[in-house]
Amino acid sequence: MRLIFLLGAFLVLSSFTDVEVKTKKKQLQFGFEEVYCVLKSDKAVKHGEYLFRNMNWVFQKGTYVKGVKAGIWSYYIGDKLEFSYDFDSKKVVSDTLGKSRLALFSEGMVYLELLKASNLSYPEKSMENGISGTVVVAIVVSKEGVPVDFKIEASSGVLELNKESLRVAQIIARQHPWIPGINEQGEPVESVVFCPFNFRAM
């Protein structure tokens, strides 16, 4: 019986390692790129190591197994680890016992910044009149990891800049899941994440 089990396990491992893959690079905006492997039999399916990076830093690294994130993925801000997440156990493995934290954007804050920059449009009137400003949007993330409310925490003093910031915050916050914040006991809690938007007229 044990011999049959070991033989079965060997066959499963063999079929996994025999999968043929091809490495691809996808150029994104602002000098970012994705480097990943796809199945040769189906180029739409990621399978193998994945990197999200620019010339200087790696911001995400992990592994896909037939199109699904698997094992531990790590997310960085520059050379600092933001968090590590185990997709097999569905847990943040970088959390420290006895330490609370805010909700985490599941693709990491650098990817959130890329989404912000890609979706933001400078309002025409403000640009023509050389109006600059900073808006801070508060994103309320429930203990289930769902963005449930968006508020202007700090106004630019210009209505159209505030509106554009709120519009983009609502779009990008809903594009990917969030990992809920935790209290000191490690229990999920509602938390507020602050998202700044900078408008600089040339």
C-alpha atoms as a PDB file:
ATOM      1  CA  MET A   1       0.000   0.000   0.000  1.00  0.00           C
ATOM      2  CA  ARG A   2       2.805   2.359   0.955  1.00  0.00           C
ATOM      3  CA  LEU A   3       4.646   1.523  -2.286  1.00  0.00           C
ATOM      4  CA  ILE A   4       1.531   2.404  -4.330  1.00  0.00           C
ATOM      5  CA  PHE A   5       1.190   5.758  -2.484  1.00  0.00           C
ATOM      6  CA  LEU A   6       4.870   6.640  -3.070  1.00  0.00           C
ATOM      7  CA  LEU A   7       4.592   5.698  -6.736  1.00  0.00           C
ATOM      8  CA  GLY A   8       1.483   7.892  -7.103  1.00  0.00           C
ATOM      9  CA  ALA A   9       3.231  10.834  -5.415  1.00  0.00           C
ATOM     10  CA  PHE A  10       6.231  10.390  -7.716  1.00  0.00           C
ATOM     11  CA  LEU A  11       4.002  10.428 -10.815  1.00  0.00           C
ATOM     12  CA  VAL A  12       2.239  13.634  -9.667  1.00  0.00           C
ATOM     13  CA  LEU A  13       5.609  15.353  -9.037  1.00  0.00           C
ATOM     14  CA  SER A  14       6.955  14.136 -12.359  1.00  0.00           C
ATOM     15  CA  SER A  15       4.003  15.529 -14.283  1.00  0.00           C
ATOM     16  CA  PHE A  16       4.409  18.896 -12.495  1.00  0.00           C
ATOM     17  CA  THR A  17       8.123  19.198 -13.248  1.00  0.00           C
ATOM     18  CA  ASP A  18       7.654  18.066 -16.864  1.00  0.00           C
ATOM     19  CA  VAL A  19       5.388  21.039 -17.651  1.00  0.00           C
ATOM     20  CA  GLU A  20       6.998  23.165 -20.371  1.00  0.00           C
ATOM     21  CA  VAL A  21       7.036  26.916 -19.759  1.00  0.00           C
ATOM     22  CA  LYS A  22       8.175  30.043 -21.544  1.00  0.00           C
ATOM     23  CA  THR A  23       9.455  33.230 -19.847  1.00  0.00           C
ATOM     24  CA  LYS A  24       7.691  36.465 -20.769  1.00  0.00           C
ATOM     25  CA  LYS A  25       8.272  40.153 -20.004  1.00  0.00           C
ATOM     26  CA  LYS A  26       5.444  42.677 -19.965  1.00  0.00           C
ATOM     27  CA  GLN A  27       6.355  46.380 -19.963  1.00  0.00           C
ATOM     28  CA  LEU A  28       4.110  48.527 -17.772  1.00  0.00           C
ATOM     29  CA  GLN A  29       3.918  52.300 -17.386  1.00  0.00           C
ATOM     30  CA  PHE A  30       6.528  54.393 -15.549  1.00  0.00           C
ATOM     31  CA  GLY A  31       9.400  51.940 -16.035  1.00  0.00           C
ATOM     32  CA  PHE A  32       7.776  48.959 -14.293  1.00  0.00           C
ATOM     33  CA  GLU A  33       7.689  45.458 -15.751  1.00  0.00           C
ATOM     34  CA  GLU A  34       6.352  42.001 -15.001  1.00  0.00           C
ATOM     35  CA  VAL A  35       8.570  38.960 -15.610  1.00  0.00           C
ATOM     36  CA  TYR A  36       6.803  35.597 -15.462  1.00  0.00           C
ATOM     37  CA  CYS A  37       6.486  32.153 -16.996  1.00  0.00           C
ATOM     38  CA  VAL A  38       3.522  30.840 -18.988  1.00  0.00           C
ATOM     39  CA  LEU A  39       2.614  27.348 -20.095  1.00  0.00           C
ATOM     40  CA  LYS A  40       3.803  26.603 -23.618  1.00  0.00           C
ATOM     41  CA  SER A  41       0.546  24.734 -24.145  1.00  0.00           C
ATOM     42  CA  ASP A  42      -1.557  27.752 -23.035  1.00  0.00           C
ATOM     43  CA  LYS A  43       0.199  31.122 -23.084  1.00  0.00           C
ATOM     44  CA  ALA A  44      -2.621  32.745 -21.095  1.00  0.00           C
ATOM     45  CA  VAL A  45      -1.777  30.644 -17.996  1.00  0.00           C
ATOM     46  CA  LYS A  46       1.022  31.804 -15.697  1.00  0.00           C
ATOM     47  CA  HIS A  47       3.073  28.947 -14.246  1.00  0.00           C
ATOM     48  CA  GLY A  48       6.325  29.401 -12.334  1.00  0.00           C
ATOM     49  CA  GLU A  49       8.207  32.354 -10.859  1.00  0.00           C
ATOM     50  CA  TYR A  50       6.724  35.869 -11.057  1.00  0.00           C
ATOM     51  CA  LEU A  51       8.450  39.239 -10.518  1.00  0.00           C
ATOM     52  CA  PHE A  52       7.045  42.779 -10.532  1.00  0.00           C
ATOM     53  CA  ARG A  53       9.985  45.197 -10.681  1.00  0.00           C
ATOM     54  CA  ASN A  54      11.686  48.249 -12.114  1.00  0.00           C
ATOM     55  CA  MET A  55      15.363  48.818 -12.943  1.00  0.00           C
ATOM     56  CA  ASN A  56      16.377  49.097  -9.283  1.00  0.00           C
ATOM     57  CA  TRP A  57      14.019  47.046  -7.153  1.00  0.00           C
ATOM     58  CA  VAL A  58      11.810  43.953  -7.036  1.00  0.00           C
ATOM     59  CA  PHE A  59       8.411  44.843  -5.532  1.00  0.00           C
ATOM     60  CA  GLN A  60       6.637  41.460  -5.750  1.00  0.00           C
ATOM     61  CA  LYS A  61       7.903  37.944  -6.050  1.00  0.00           C
ATOM     62  CA  GLY A  62       6.163  34.610  -5.851  1.00  0.00           C
ATOM     63  CA  THR A  63       5.060  31.549  -7.793  1.00  0.00           C
ATOM     64  CA  TYR A  64       2.065  30.680  -9.960  1.00  0.00           C
ATOM     65  CA  VAL A  65       0.862  27.094 -10.326  1.00  0.00           C
ATOM     66  CA  LYS A  66      -1.329  26.771 -13.418  1.00  0.00           C
ATOM     67  CA  GLY A  67      -2.639  30.329 -13.163  1.00  0.00           C
ATOM     68  CA  VAL A  68      -3.115  30.391  -9.377  1.00  0.00           C
ATOM     69  CA  LYS A  69      -0.818  32.113  -6.858  1.00  0.00           C
ATOM     70  CA  ALA A  70       0.743  29.485  -4.589  1.00  0.00           C
ATOM     71  CA  GLY A  71       3.097  29.367  -1.618  1.00  0.00           C
ATOM     72  CA  ILE A  72       4.638  32.465  -0.050  1.00  0.00           C
ATOM     73  CA  TRP A  73       4.631  35.754  -1.938  1.00  0.00           C
ATOM     74  CA  SER A  74       6.676  38.733  -0.731  1.00  0.00           C
ATOM     75  CA  TYR A  75       5.872  42.413  -1.320  1.00  0.00           C
ATOM     76  CA  TYR A  76       8.446  45.189  -0.960  1.00  0.00           C
ATOM     77  CA  ILE A  77       8.684  48.972  -0.821  1.00  0.00           C
ATOM     78  CA  GLY A  78      12.186  49.649  -2.112  1.00  0.00           C
ATOM     79  CA  ASP A  79      14.495  47.327  -0.183  1.00  0.00           C
ATOM     80  CA  LYS A  80      12.080  46.995   2.767  1.00  0.00           C
ATOM     81  CA  LEU A  81       9.681  44.059   3.123  1.00  0.00           C
ATOM     82  CA  GLU A  82       6.095  45.351   3.293  1.00  0.00           C
ATOM     83  CA  PHE A  83       4.560  41.932   3.993  1.00  0.00           C
ATOM     84  CA  SER A  84       4.669  38.234   3.063  1.00  0.00           C
ATOM     85  CA  TYR A  85       1.512  36.248   2.348  1.00  0.00           C
ATOM     86  CA  ASP A  86       1.072  32.470   2.186  1.00  0.00           C
ATOM     87  CA  PHE A  87      -1.544  31.703  -0.473  1.00  0.00           C
ATOM     88  CA  ASP A  88      -1.758  28.064   0.666  1.00  0.00           C
ATOM     89  CA  SER A  89      -2.712  28.876   4.275  1.00  0.00           C
ATOM     90  CA  LYS A  90      -4.318  32.265   3.360  1.00  0.00           C
ATOM     91  CA  LYS A  91      -2.307  34.083   6.045  1.00  0.00           C
ATOM     92  CA  VAL A  92       0.077  37.021   6.349  1.00  0.00           C
ATOM     93  CA  VAL A  93       3.212  35.261   7.574  1.00  0.00           C
ATOM     94  CA  SER A  94       5.130  38.471   8.324  1.00  0.00           C
ATOM     95  CA  ASP A  95       2.718  39.591  11.080  1.00  0.00           C
ATOM     96  CA  THR A  96       4.218  39.957  14.556  1.00  0.00           C
ATOM     97  CA  LEU A  97       2.284  38.581  17.520  1.00  0.00           C
ATOM     98  CA  GLY A  98       1.086  41.399  19.799  1.00  0.00           C
ATOM     99  CA  LYS A  99       1.417  44.046  17.074  1.00  0.00           C
ATOM    100  CA  SER A 100      -1.569  45.569  15.310  1.00  0.00           C
ATOM    101  CA  ARG A 101      -1.500  46.689  11.659  1.00  0.00           C
ATOM    102  CA  LEU A 102      -3.702  48.391   9.105  1.00  0.00           C
ATOM    103  CA  ALA A 103      -5.342  46.687   6.138  1.00  0.00           C
ATOM    104  CA  LEU A 104      -2.978  45.687   3.317  1.00  0.00           C
ATOM    105  CA  PHE A 105      -3.630  46.051  -0.414  1.00  0.00           C
ATOM    106  CA  SER A 106      -3.191  42.473  -1.651  1.00  0.00           C
ATOM    107  CA  GLU A 107      -0.862  43.498  -4.519  1.00  0.00           C
ATOM    108  CA  GLY A 108       1.318  45.726  -2.314  1.00  0.00           C
ATOM    109  CA  MET A 109       1.484  49.508  -1.968  1.00  0.00           C
ATOM    110  CA  VAL A 110       3.875  49.992  -4.906  1.00  0.00           C
ATOM    111  CA  TYR A 111       1.341  48.343  -7.235  1.00  0.00           C
ATOM    112  CA  LEU A 112      -1.402  50.529  -5.711  1.00  0.00           C
ATOM    113  CA  GLU A 113       0.725  53.602  -6.532  1.00  0.00           C
ATOM    114  CA  LEU A 114       1.100  52.369 -10.125  1.00  0.00           C
ATOM    115  CA  LEU A 115      -2.695  51.973 -10.389  1.00  0.00           C
ATOM    116  CA  LYS A 116      -3.124  55.492  -8.980  1.00  0.00           C
ATOM    117  CA  ALA A 117      -0.754  57.037 -11.509  1.00  0.00           C
ATOM    118  CA  SER A 118      -2.249  55.049 -14.397  1.00  0.00           C
ATOM    119  CA  ASN A 119      -5.840  56.078 -13.638  1.00  0.00           C
ATOM    120  CA  LEU A 120      -5.385  59.703 -12.519  1.00  0.00           C
ATOM    121  CA  SER A 121      -6.343  62.486 -14.954  1.00  0.00           C
ATOM    122  CA  TYR A 122      -5.371  66.058 -14.162  1.00  0.00           C
ATOM    123  CA  PRO A 123      -8.611  68.099 -14.357  1.00  0.00           C
ATOM    124  CA  GLU A 124      -8.365  70.344 -17.414  1.00  0.00           C
ATOM    125  CA  LYS A 125      -9.340  73.643 -15.770  1.00  0.00           C
ATOM    126  CA  SER A 126      -6.879  73.188 -12.924  1.00  0.00           C
ATOM    127  CA  MET A 127      -4.088  72.316 -15.352  1.00  0.00           C
ATOM    128  CA  GLU A 128      -4.834  75.325 -17.580  1.00  0.00           C
ATOM    129  CA  ASN A 129      -4.846  77.650 -14.565  1.00  0.00           C
ATOM    130  CA  GLY A 130      -1.665  76.137 -13.072  1.00  0.00           C
ATOM    131  CA  ILE A 131      -3.479  74.941  -9.932  1.00  0.00           C
ATOM    132  CA  SER A 132      -1.627  72.380  -7.802  1.00  0.00           C
ATOM    133  CA  GLY A 133      -2.724  70.581  -4.664  1.00  0.00           C
ATOM    134  CA  THR A 134      -2.664  67.446  -2.558  1.00  0.00           C
ATOM    135  CA  VAL A 135      -5.723  65.416  -1.616  1.00  0.00           C
ATOM    136  CA  VAL A 136      -5.734  62.653   0.991  1.00  0.00           C
ATOM    137  CA  VAL A 137      -8.503  60.070   0.642  1.00  0.00           C
ATOM    138  CA  ALA A 138      -9.382  57.849   3.616  1.00  0.00           C
ATOM    139  CA  ILE A 139     -10.297  54.306   2.534  1.00  0.00           C
ATOM    140  CA  VAL A 140     -12.254  52.407   5.179  1.00  0.00           C
ATOM    141  CA  VAL A 141     -11.561  48.655   4.882  1.00  0.00           C
ATOM    142  CA  SER A 142     -13.914  46.300   6.755  1.00  0.00           C
ATOM    143  CA  LYS A 143     -12.753  43.374   8.886  1.00  0.00           C
ATOM    144  CA  GLU A 144     -13.687  41.171   5.906  1.00  0.00           C
ATOM    145  CA  GLY A 145     -11.170  43.043   3.741  1.00  0.00           C
ATOM    146  CA  VAL A 146     -13.722  45.004   1.693  1.00  0.00           C
ATOM    147  CA  PRO A 147     -13.422  48.781   1.012  1.00  0.00           C
ATOM    148  CA  VAL A 148     -16.721  50.085   2.398  1.00  0.00           C
ATOM    149  CA  ASP A 149     -16.282  53.860   2.524  1.00  0.00           C
ATOM    150  CA  PHE A 150     -14.227  56.644   0.939  1.00  0.00           C
ATOM    151  CA  LYS A 151     -13.844  60.133   2.415  1.00  0.00           C
ATOM    152  CA  ILE A 152     -11.762  63.232   1.758  1.00  0.00           C
ATOM    153  CA  GLU A 153      -9.471  63.318   4.801  1.00  0.00           C
ATOM    154  CA  ALA A 154      -7.488  66.364   3.644  1.00  0.00           C
ATOM    155  CA  SER A 155      -8.850  68.646   0.936  1.00  0.00           C
ATOM    156  CA  SER A 156      -6.779  70.424  -1.704  1.00  0.00           C
ATOM    157  CA  GLY A 157      -9.196  73.316  -1.503  1.00  0.00           C
ATOM    158  CA  VAL A 158     -10.116  72.696  -5.156  1.00  0.00           C
ATOM    159  CA  LEU A 159     -13.357  70.791  -5.767  1.00  0.00           C
ATOM    160  CA  GLU A 160     -12.337  69.157  -9.063  1.00  0.00           C
ATOM    161  CA  LEU A 161      -9.042  67.849  -7.611  1.00  0.00           C
ATOM    162  CA  ASN A 162     -10.970  66.377  -4.668  1.00  0.00           C
ATOM    163  CA  LYS A 163     -13.517  64.756  -7.007  1.00  0.00           C
ATOM    164  CA  GLU A 164     -10.844  63.221  -9.245  1.00  0.00           C
ATOM    165  CA  SER A 165      -8.976  61.796  -6.240  1.00  0.00           C
ATOM    166  CA  LEU A 166     -12.151  60.266  -4.833  1.00  0.00           C
ATOM    167  CA  ARG A 167     -13.049  58.790  -8.248  1.00  0.00           C
ATOM    168  CA  VAL A 168      -9.645  57.137  -8.686  1.00  0.00           C
ATOM    169  CA  ALA A 169      -9.505  55.882  -5.072  1.00  0.00           C
ATOM    170  CA  GLN A 170     -12.848  54.109  -5.552  1.00  0.00           C
ATOM    171  CA  ILE A 171     -11.709  52.479  -8.813  1.00  0.00           C
ATOM    172  CA  ILE A 172      -8.288  51.241  -7.694  1.00  0.00           C
ATOM    173  CA  ALA A 173      -9.316  50.117  -4.215  1.00  0.00           C
ATOM    174  CA  ARG A 174     -11.863  47.743  -5.753  1.00  0.00           C
ATOM    175  CA  GLN A 175      -9.592  46.269  -8.457  1.00  0.00           C
ATOM    176  CA  HIS A 176      -7.913  43.794  -6.092  1.00  0.00           C
ATOM    177  CA  PRO A 177      -8.787  42.319  -2.670  1.00  0.00           C
ATOM    178  CA  TRP A 178      -7.543  43.734   0.636  1.00  0.00           C
ATOM    179  CA  ILE A 179      -6.171  41.830   3.610  1.00  0.00           C
ATOM    180  CA  PRO A 180      -7.990  43.133   6.709  1.00  0.00           C
ATOM    181  CA  GLY A 181      -6.181  44.973   9.480  1.00  0.00           C
ATOM    182  CA  ILE A 182      -5.592  43.183  12.776  1.00  0.00           C
ATOM    183  CA  ASN A 183      -5.568  44.168  16.444  1.00  0.00           C
ATOM    184  CA  GLU A 184      -2.891  43.170  18.986  1.00  0.00           C
ATOM    185  CA  GLN A 185      -4.615  39.809  19.488  1.00  0.00           C
ATOM    186  CA  GLY A 186      -4.322  39.077  15.754  1.00  0.00           C
ATOM    187  CA  GLU A 187      -8.099  39.418  15.185  1.00  0.00           C
ATOM    188  CA  PRO A 188      -9.365  41.086  11.975  1.00  0.00           C
ATOM    189  CA  VAL A 189     -10.636  44.644  12.476  1.00  0.00           C
ATOM    190  CA  GLU A 190     -11.954  47.541  10.412  1.00  0.00           C
ATOM    191  CA  SER A 191      -9.190  50.028   9.628  1.00  0.00           C
ATOM    192  CA  VAL A 192      -8.569  53.213   7.663  1.00  0.00           C
ATOM    193  CA  VAL A 193      -5.849  53.506   5.016  1.00  0.00           C
ATOM    194  CA  PHE A 194      -4.842  56.985   3.847  1.00  0.00           C
ATOM    195  CA  CYS A 195      -4.170  57.440   0.144  1.00  0.00           C
ATOM    196  CA  PRO A 196      -2.556  60.755  -0.968  1.00  0.00           C
ATOM    197  CA  PHE A 197      -2.974  62.203  -4.483  1.00  0.00           C
ATOM    198  CA  ASN A 198      -0.538  64.879  -5.654  1.00  0.00           C
ATOM    199  CA  PHE A 199      -1.363  67.269  -8.476  1.00  0.00           C
ATOM    200  CA  ARG A 200       1.560  69.379  -9.679  1.00  0.00           C
ATOM    201  CA  ALA A 201       0.934  71.898 -12.464  1.00  0.00           C
ATOM    202  CA  MET A 202       3.860  72.436 -14.840  1.00  0.00           C
END
